[in-house]
Amino acid sequence: MKKTAVLLYPLFSLQEIGTLTELLKFYEREIVTFSAGREPVKSEDGFTILPDRDLAEFHREEFDSLVLPGIWEPLPVLLDNRIIRFLEKLRGDDEILIAAISAGPLLLGKAGLLEGKRFTHGVFEEFLDAFPVMPRENAVRTYLVEDGNLITAYGGAFREFAVAVAHRLGIDCRDQIFDPMAGQEYTEEDFIFHLPPEALPEARAYWDKCLEEAVRQNQ
């Protein structure tokens, strides 16, 4: 199975892609994170991430998808030519799924990947007036747009974004998998959890391993 690449940059929105990455992990899809220079990256909410690889270590044949999160302050990222040059290499590659949310499409626009594509975004109009990097005539004022190999979304549509990307990658999950729980009816049994019987031997072996390692560490 091919992998999903996630592009990280300063003040990226972890919240906007966390639902998607959790879904991919649950369905056992490998995720590889990238940053320019493999530099540690701090998210908008203060988590520092050490990416797996530098952009130069992106090997196209390994990946069938690329995810771009939103950005709290997009201008420094937009001005980082290392990121734009990396994205420019994907021009005309219709075989890779590119998914960008909130301010992520700004980077695609500057790299020329939005030409001839319908898209949406979550960028202030005043920013676009000052930095017209996206073809605004192609922007659709809605929460999520799919056009060919491109999926874009407004940041508040992170649930719908996650499901749309998962479906395009062949993951058979419910459309409502991340619907809010408030307002629904539940029983106590809905909150009693069991491992599948076939998974229990592996789980017990892992627990035993953890206990043995803890004993060694604590001696």
C-alpha atoms as a PDB file:
ATOM      1  CA  MET A   1       0.000   0.000   0.000  1.00  0.00           C
ATOM      2  CA  LYS A   2       1.248   3.479  -0.816  1.00  0.00           C
ATOM      3  CA  LYS A   3       1.634   6.105   1.891  1.00  0.00           C
ATOM      4  CA  THR A   4       0.188   9.505   2.709  1.00  0.00           C
ATOM      5  CA  ALA A   5       2.566  12.459   3.019  1.00  0.00           C
ATOM      6  CA  VAL A   6       1.713  15.323   5.379  1.00  0.00           C
ATOM      7  CA  LEU A   7       3.470  18.628   4.795  1.00  0.00           C
ATOM      8  CA  LEU A   8       4.193  20.541   8.011  1.00  0.00           C
ATOM      9  CA  TYR A   9       5.269  24.163   8.397  1.00  0.00           C
ATOM     10  CA  PRO A  10       5.385  26.787  11.165  1.00  0.00           C
ATOM     11  CA  LEU A  11       2.047  27.419  12.919  1.00  0.00           C
ATOM     12  CA  PHE A  12       0.248  24.675  11.007  1.00  0.00           C
ATOM     13  CA  SER A  13      -3.204  23.703  12.284  1.00  0.00           C
ATOM     14  CA  LEU A  14      -2.976  20.330  13.980  1.00  0.00           C
ATOM     15  CA  GLN A  15      -6.677  20.410  14.739  1.00  0.00           C
ATOM     16  CA  GLU A  16      -7.681  20.692  11.074  1.00  0.00           C
ATOM     17  CA  ILE A  17      -5.860  17.497  10.060  1.00  0.00           C
ATOM     18  CA  GLY A  18      -5.968  15.499  13.300  1.00  0.00           C
ATOM     19  CA  THR A  19      -9.321  13.954  12.458  1.00  0.00           C
ATOM     20  CA  LEU A  20      -7.999  12.844   9.079  1.00  0.00           C
ATOM     21  CA  THR A  21      -4.726  11.438  10.377  1.00  0.00           C
ATOM     22  CA  GLU A  22      -6.541   9.551  13.151  1.00  0.00           C
ATOM     23  CA  LEU A  23      -8.830   8.000  10.549  1.00  0.00           C
ATOM     24  CA  LEU A  24      -5.900   7.004   8.341  1.00  0.00           C
ATOM     25  CA  LYS A  25      -4.080   5.500  11.312  1.00  0.00           C
ATOM     26  CA  PHE A  26      -7.179   3.539  12.385  1.00  0.00           C
ATOM     27  CA  TYR A  27      -7.344   1.982   8.920  1.00  0.00           C
ATOM     28  CA  GLU A  28      -3.610   1.176   9.034  1.00  0.00           C
ATOM     29  CA  ARG A  29      -2.426   3.602   6.365  1.00  0.00           C
ATOM     30  CA  GLU A  30       1.168   4.757   6.837  1.00  0.00           C
ATOM     31  CA  ILE A  31       1.664   8.496   7.305  1.00  0.00           C
ATOM     32  CA  VAL A  32       5.003  10.241   6.721  1.00  0.00           C
ATOM     33  CA  THR A  33       5.510  13.853   7.816  1.00  0.00           C
ATOM     34  CA  PHE A  34       7.753  16.312   5.957  1.00  0.00           C
ATOM     35  CA  SER A  35       9.144  19.780   6.576  1.00  0.00           C
ATOM     36  CA  ALA A  36      11.642  22.030   4.835  1.00  0.00           C
ATOM     37  CA  GLY A  37      15.064  20.968   6.094  1.00  0.00           C
ATOM     38  CA  ARG A  38      13.378  18.474   8.436  1.00  0.00           C
ATOM     39  CA  GLU A  39      13.253  21.342  10.896  1.00  0.00           C
ATOM     40  CA  PRO A  40      11.149  20.941  14.053  1.00  0.00           C
ATOM     41  CA  VAL A  41       7.799  22.618  13.505  1.00  0.00           C
ATOM     42  CA  LYS A  42       5.568  24.217  16.134  1.00  0.00           C
ATOM     43  CA  SER A  43       1.834  23.955  15.530  1.00  0.00           C
ATOM     44  CA  GLU A  44      -0.512  26.892  16.027  1.00  0.00           C
ATOM     45  CA  ASP A  45      -1.479  25.489  19.435  1.00  0.00           C
ATOM     46  CA  GLY A  46       2.113  25.069  20.618  1.00  0.00           C
ATOM     47  CA  PHE A  47       2.984  21.421  19.956  1.00  0.00           C
ATOM     48  CA  THR A  48       6.503  20.944  18.581  1.00  0.00           C
ATOM     49  CA  ILE A  49       6.765  18.190  15.966  1.00  0.00           C
ATOM     50  CA  LEU A  50       9.939  16.628  14.584  1.00  0.00           C
ATOM     51  CA  PRO A  51       8.968  15.557  11.045  1.00  0.00           C
ATOM     52  CA  ASP A  52      10.045  12.221   9.636  1.00  0.00           C
ATOM     53  CA  ARG A  53      11.805  13.555   6.554  1.00  0.00           C
ATOM     54  CA  ASP A  54      13.165  16.560   4.710  1.00  0.00           C
ATOM     55  CA  LEU A  55      11.354  17.607   1.516  1.00  0.00           C
ATOM     56  CA  ALA A  56      14.326  16.332  -0.487  1.00  0.00           C
ATOM     57  CA  GLU A  57      13.516  12.842   0.816  1.00  0.00           C
ATOM     58  CA  PHE A  58      10.068  12.767  -0.782  1.00  0.00           C
ATOM     59  CA  HIS A  59      10.071   9.929  -3.300  1.00  0.00           C
ATOM     60  CA  ARG A  60       6.981  10.256  -5.448  1.00  0.00           C
ATOM     61  CA  GLU A  61       6.639   6.522  -6.122  1.00  0.00           C
ATOM     62  CA  GLU A  62       6.087   5.859  -2.398  1.00  0.00           C
ATOM     63  CA  PHE A  63       3.053   8.121  -2.078  1.00  0.00           C
ATOM     64  CA  ASP A  64      -0.418   8.416  -3.531  1.00  0.00           C
ATOM     65  CA  SER A  65      -1.548  11.402  -1.454  1.00  0.00           C
ATOM     66  CA  LEU A  66      -0.347  14.670   0.071  1.00  0.00           C
ATOM     67  CA  VAL A  67      -2.073  16.612   2.859  1.00  0.00           C
ATOM     68  CA  LEU A  68      -1.594  20.333   3.559  1.00  0.00           C
ATOM     69  CA  PRO A  69      -2.980  21.675   6.855  1.00  0.00           C
ATOM     70  CA  GLY A  70      -4.103  25.233   7.441  1.00  0.00           C
ATOM     71  CA  ILE A  71      -1.763  27.886   8.840  1.00  0.00           C
ATOM     72  CA  TRP A  72      -2.307  30.398  11.644  1.00  0.00           C
ATOM     73  CA  GLU A  73      -0.021  32.983   9.989  1.00  0.00           C
ATOM     74  CA  PRO A  74       0.456  31.949   6.353  1.00  0.00           C
ATOM     75  CA  LEU A  75       2.744  34.674   4.998  1.00  0.00           C
ATOM     76  CA  PRO A  76       6.119  33.326   6.258  1.00  0.00           C
ATOM     77  CA  VAL A  77       5.237  29.895   4.881  1.00  0.00           C
ATOM     78  CA  LEU A  78       4.059  31.361   1.604  1.00  0.00           C
ATOM     79  CA  LEU A  79       7.422  33.122   1.267  1.00  0.00           C
ATOM     80  CA  ASP A  80       9.444  29.955   1.915  1.00  0.00           C
ATOM     81  CA  ASN A  81      10.661  28.997  -1.551  1.00  0.00           C
ATOM     82  CA  ARG A  82      11.725  25.549  -0.369  1.00  0.00           C
ATOM     83  CA  ILE A  83       8.077  24.619   0.133  1.00  0.00           C
ATOM     84  CA  ILE A  84       6.881  26.222  -3.097  1.00  0.00           C
ATOM     85  CA  ARG A  85       9.599  24.548  -5.182  1.00  0.00           C
ATOM     86  CA  PHE A  86       8.647  21.199  -3.652  1.00  0.00           C
ATOM     87  CA  LEU A  87       4.994  21.683  -4.605  1.00  0.00           C
ATOM     88  CA  GLU A  88       5.846  22.917  -8.097  1.00  0.00           C
ATOM     89  CA  LYS A  89       7.263  19.478  -8.872  1.00  0.00           C
ATOM     90  CA  LEU A  90       3.726  18.082  -8.614  1.00  0.00           C
ATOM     91  CA  ARG A  91       2.318  20.240 -11.423  1.00  0.00           C
ATOM     92  CA  GLY A  92       0.557  18.098 -13.981  1.00  0.00           C
ATOM     93  CA  ASP A  93       0.665  15.013 -11.752  1.00  0.00           C
ATOM     94  CA  ASP A  94      -2.986  13.970 -11.703  1.00  0.00           C
ATOM     95  CA  GLU A  95      -2.230  10.608 -10.093  1.00  0.00           C
ATOM     96  CA  ILE A  96      -1.473  11.961  -6.637  1.00  0.00           C
ATOM     97  CA  LEU A  97      -4.350  13.065  -4.422  1.00  0.00           C
ATOM     98  CA  ILE A  98      -3.685  16.533  -2.995  1.00  0.00           C
ATOM     99  CA  ALA A  99      -5.814  17.589  -0.025  1.00  0.00           C
ATOM    100  CA  ALA A 100      -5.526  21.095   1.445  1.00  0.00           C
ATOM    101  CA  ILE A 101      -7.640  22.723   4.133  1.00  0.00           C
ATOM    102  CA  SER A 102      -8.186  26.318   5.272  1.00  0.00           C
ATOM    103  CA  ALA A 103      -5.093  28.366   4.291  1.00  0.00           C
ATOM    104  CA  GLY A 104      -3.329  25.347   2.779  1.00  0.00           C
ATOM    105  CA  PRO A 105      -4.615  26.153  -0.739  1.00  0.00           C
ATOM    106  CA  LEU A 106      -2.550  29.358  -0.672  1.00  0.00           C
ATOM    107  CA  LEU A 107       0.587  27.273  -1.108  1.00  0.00           C
ATOM    108  CA  LEU A 108      -0.984  25.326  -3.956  1.00  0.00           C
ATOM    109  CA  GLY A 109      -1.963  28.577  -5.624  1.00  0.00           C
ATOM    110  CA  LYS A 110       1.531  30.027  -5.477  1.00  0.00           C
ATOM    111  CA  ALA A 111       2.935  26.750  -6.825  1.00  0.00           C
ATOM    112  CA  GLY A 112       0.531  26.841  -9.790  1.00  0.00           C
ATOM    113  CA  LEU A 113      -1.463  23.783  -8.724  1.00  0.00           C
ATOM    114  CA  LEU A 114      -4.840  25.544  -8.705  1.00  0.00           C
ATOM    115  CA  GLU A 115      -4.822  26.568 -12.355  1.00  0.00           C
ATOM    116  CA  GLY A 116      -7.947  25.223 -14.035  1.00  0.00           C
ATOM    117  CA  LYS A 117      -9.202  23.779 -10.722  1.00  0.00           C
ATOM    118  CA  ARG A 118     -12.253  24.580  -8.637  1.00  0.00           C
ATOM    119  CA  PHE A 119     -11.364  24.995  -4.979  1.00  0.00           C
ATOM    120  CA  THR A 120     -12.384  26.500  -1.662  1.00  0.00           C
ATOM    121  CA  HIS A 121     -10.390  27.899   1.274  1.00  0.00           C
ATOM    122  CA  GLY A 122     -10.576  29.749   4.589  1.00  0.00           C
ATOM    123  CA  VAL A 123      -8.379  32.779   3.861  1.00  0.00           C
ATOM    124  CA  PHE A 124      -9.292  36.390   4.683  1.00  0.00           C
ATOM    125  CA  GLU A 125     -10.183  38.353   1.543  1.00  0.00           C
ATOM    126  CA  GLU A 126      -7.916  41.194   2.647  1.00  0.00           C
ATOM    127  CA  PHE A 127      -4.954  38.814   2.659  1.00  0.00           C
ATOM    128  CA  LEU A 128      -5.831  37.723  -0.868  1.00  0.00           C
ATOM    129  CA  ASP A 129      -6.021  41.364  -1.952  1.00  0.00           C
ATOM    130  CA  ALA A 130      -2.487  41.883  -0.673  1.00  0.00           C
ATOM    131  CA  PHE A 131      -1.140  38.546  -1.922  1.00  0.00           C
ATOM    132  CA  PRO A 132      -3.155  37.386  -4.959  1.00  0.00           C
ATOM    133  CA  VAL A 133      -1.586  33.951  -5.341  1.00  0.00           C
ATOM    134  CA  MET A 134      -4.805  31.997  -5.974  1.00  0.00           C
ATOM    135  CA  PRO A 135      -7.010  32.237  -9.095  1.00  0.00           C
ATOM    136  CA  ARG A 136     -10.005  33.707  -7.267  1.00  0.00           C
ATOM    137  CA  GLU A 137     -12.282  33.242 -10.265  1.00  0.00           C
ATOM    138  CA  ASN A 138     -12.103  29.496  -9.589  1.00  0.00           C
ATOM    139  CA  ALA A 139     -12.954  29.740  -5.885  1.00  0.00           C
ATOM    140  CA  VAL A 140     -16.254  28.169  -4.822  1.00  0.00           C
ATOM    141  CA  ARG A 141     -17.903  29.592  -1.716  1.00  0.00           C
ATOM    142  CA  THR A 142     -18.696  26.378   0.099  1.00  0.00           C
ATOM    143  CA  TYR A 143     -17.211  24.124   2.778  1.00  0.00           C
ATOM    144  CA  LEU A 144     -15.615  21.406   0.589  1.00  0.00           C
ATOM    145  CA  VAL A 145     -14.764  21.039  -3.092  1.00  0.00           C
ATOM    146  CA  GLU A 146     -13.466  18.027  -5.017  1.00  0.00           C
ATOM    147  CA  ASP A 147     -12.065  18.598  -8.493  1.00  0.00           C
ATOM    148  CA  GLY A 148     -10.049  15.827 -10.092  1.00  0.00           C
ATOM    149  CA  ASN A 149      -7.130  14.928  -7.845  1.00  0.00           C
ATOM    150  CA  LEU A 150      -7.701  17.972  -5.622  1.00  0.00           C
ATOM    151  CA  ILE A 151      -9.724  18.187  -2.400  1.00  0.00           C
ATOM    152  CA  THR A 152      -9.968  21.535  -0.614  1.00  0.00           C
ATOM    153  CA  ALA A 153     -11.985  22.586   2.413  1.00  0.00           C
ATOM    154  CA  TYR A 154     -12.815  25.415   4.785  1.00  0.00           C
ATOM    155  CA  GLY A 155     -11.174  24.815   8.173  1.00  0.00           C
ATOM    156  CA  GLY A 156     -14.450  24.251   9.999  1.00  0.00           C
ATOM    157  CA  ALA A 157     -15.202  21.312   7.707  1.00  0.00           C
ATOM    158  CA  PHE A 158     -12.377  19.167   9.127  1.00  0.00           C
ATOM    159  CA  ARG A 159     -14.765  16.228   9.658  1.00  0.00           C
ATOM    160  CA  GLU A 160     -16.062  16.296   6.096  1.00  0.00           C
ATOM    161  CA  PHE A 161     -12.514  16.832   4.817  1.00  0.00           C
ATOM    162  CA  ALA A 162     -11.317  13.725   6.658  1.00  0.00           C
ATOM    163  CA  VAL A 163     -14.092  11.549   5.291  1.00  0.00           C
ATOM    164  CA  ALA A 164     -13.707  12.839   1.716  1.00  0.00           C
ATOM    165  CA  VAL A 165      -9.969  12.134   1.693  1.00  0.00           C
ATOM    166  CA  ALA A 166     -10.464   8.709   3.276  1.00  0.00           C
ATOM    167  CA  HIS A 167     -13.072   7.720   0.694  1.00  0.00           C
ATOM    168  CA  ARG A 168     -10.800   8.793  -2.156  1.00  0.00           C
ATOM    169  CA  LEU A 169      -8.068   6.576  -0.691  1.00  0.00           C
ATOM    170  CA  GLY A 170     -10.381   3.578  -0.688  1.00  0.00           C
ATOM    171  CA  ILE A 171     -11.252   3.600   3.003  1.00  0.00           C
ATOM    172  CA  ASP A 172     -14.768   2.303   3.563  1.00  0.00           C
ATOM    173  CA  CYS A 173     -15.909   4.446   6.491  1.00  0.00           C
ATOM    174  CA  ARG A 174     -19.323   5.947   7.228  1.00  0.00           C
ATOM    175  CA  ASP A 175     -19.991   9.510   6.078  1.00  0.00           C
ATOM    176  CA  GLN A 176     -21.138  10.310   9.619  1.00  0.00           C
ATOM    177  CA  ILE A 177     -18.205   8.663  11.417  1.00  0.00           C
ATOM    178  CA  PHE A 178     -17.253  11.925  13.148  1.00  0.00           C
ATOM    179  CA  ASP A 179     -20.717  13.390  13.709  1.00  0.00           C
ATOM    180  CA  PRO A 180     -21.188  15.165  17.064  1.00  0.00           C
ATOM    181  CA  MET A 181     -22.603  12.983  19.861  1.00  0.00           C
ATOM    182  CA  ALA A 182     -24.780  15.646  21.442  1.00  0.00           C
ATOM    183  CA  GLY A 183     -28.463  15.256  20.640  1.00  0.00           C
ATOM    184  CA  GLN A 184     -28.239  11.506  19.973  1.00  0.00           C
ATOM    185  CA  GLU A 185     -29.775   8.757  22.105  1.00  0.00           C
ATOM    186  CA  TYR A 186     -27.518   6.190  23.771  1.00  0.00           C
ATOM    187  CA  THR A 187     -27.671   3.311  26.229  1.00  0.00           C
ATOM    188  CA  GLU A 188     -25.137   2.340  28.889  1.00  0.00           C
ATOM    189  CA  GLU A 189     -24.067  -0.569  26.674  1.00  0.00           C
ATOM    190  CA  ASP A 190     -22.869   1.933  24.074  1.00  0.00           C
ATOM    191  CA  PHE A 191     -20.106   2.923  26.514  1.00  0.00           C
ATOM    192  CA  ILE A 192     -18.876  -0.543  27.489  1.00  0.00           C
ATOM    193  CA  PHE A 193     -15.895  -1.533  25.353  1.00  0.00           C
ATOM    194  CA  HIS A 194     -14.329  -4.902  24.520  1.00  0.00           C
ATOM    195  CA  LEU A 195     -11.409  -5.999  22.396  1.00  0.00           C
ATOM    196  CA  PRO A 196     -12.321  -8.381  19.575  1.00  0.00           C
ATOM    197  CA  PRO A 197     -11.577 -11.951  20.773  1.00  0.00           C
ATOM    198  CA  GLU A 198      -9.127 -12.503  17.912  1.00  0.00           C
ATOM    199  CA  ALA A 199      -7.113  -9.424  18.996  1.00  0.00           C
ATOM    200  CA  LEU A 200      -6.840 -10.415  22.656  1.00  0.00           C
ATOM    201  CA  PRO A 201      -3.758 -12.740  22.423  1.00  0.00           C
ATOM    202  CA  GLU A 202      -1.738 -10.045  20.661  1.00  0.00           C
ATOM    203  CA  ALA A 203      -2.881  -7.420  23.179  1.00  0.00           C
ATOM    204  CA  ARG A 204      -1.960  -9.619  26.141  1.00  0.00           C
ATOM    205  CA  ALA A 205       1.473 -10.315  24.649  1.00  0.00           C
ATOM    206  CA  TYR A 206       2.044  -6.578  24.252  1.00  0.00           C
ATOM    207  CA  TRP A 207       0.936  -5.882  27.825  1.00  0.00           C
ATOM    208  CA  ASP A 208       3.330  -8.567  29.109  1.00  0.00           C
ATOM    209  CA  LYS A 209       6.160  -7.011  27.104  1.00  0.00           C
ATOM    210  CA  CYS A 210       5.427  -3.577  28.578  1.00  0.00           C
ATOM    211  CA  LEU A 211       5.401  -5.003  32.110  1.00  0.00           C
ATOM    212  CA  GLU A 212       8.738  -6.773  31.558  1.00  0.00           C
ATOM    213  CA  GLU A 213      10.334  -3.587  30.189  1.00  0.00           C
ATOM    214  CA  ALA A 214       9.005  -1.568  33.119  1.00  0.00           C
ATOM    215  CA  VAL A 215      10.512  -4.043  35.591  1.00  0.00           C
ATOM    216  CA  ARG A 216      13.923  -3.757  33.899  1.00  0.00           C
ATOM    217  CA  GLN A 217      13.781   0.045  33.797  1.00  0.00           C
ATOM    218  CA  ASN A 218      12.757   0.328  37.439  1.00  0.00           C
ATOM    219  CA  GLN A 219      15.436  -1.983  38.868  1.00  0.00           C
END
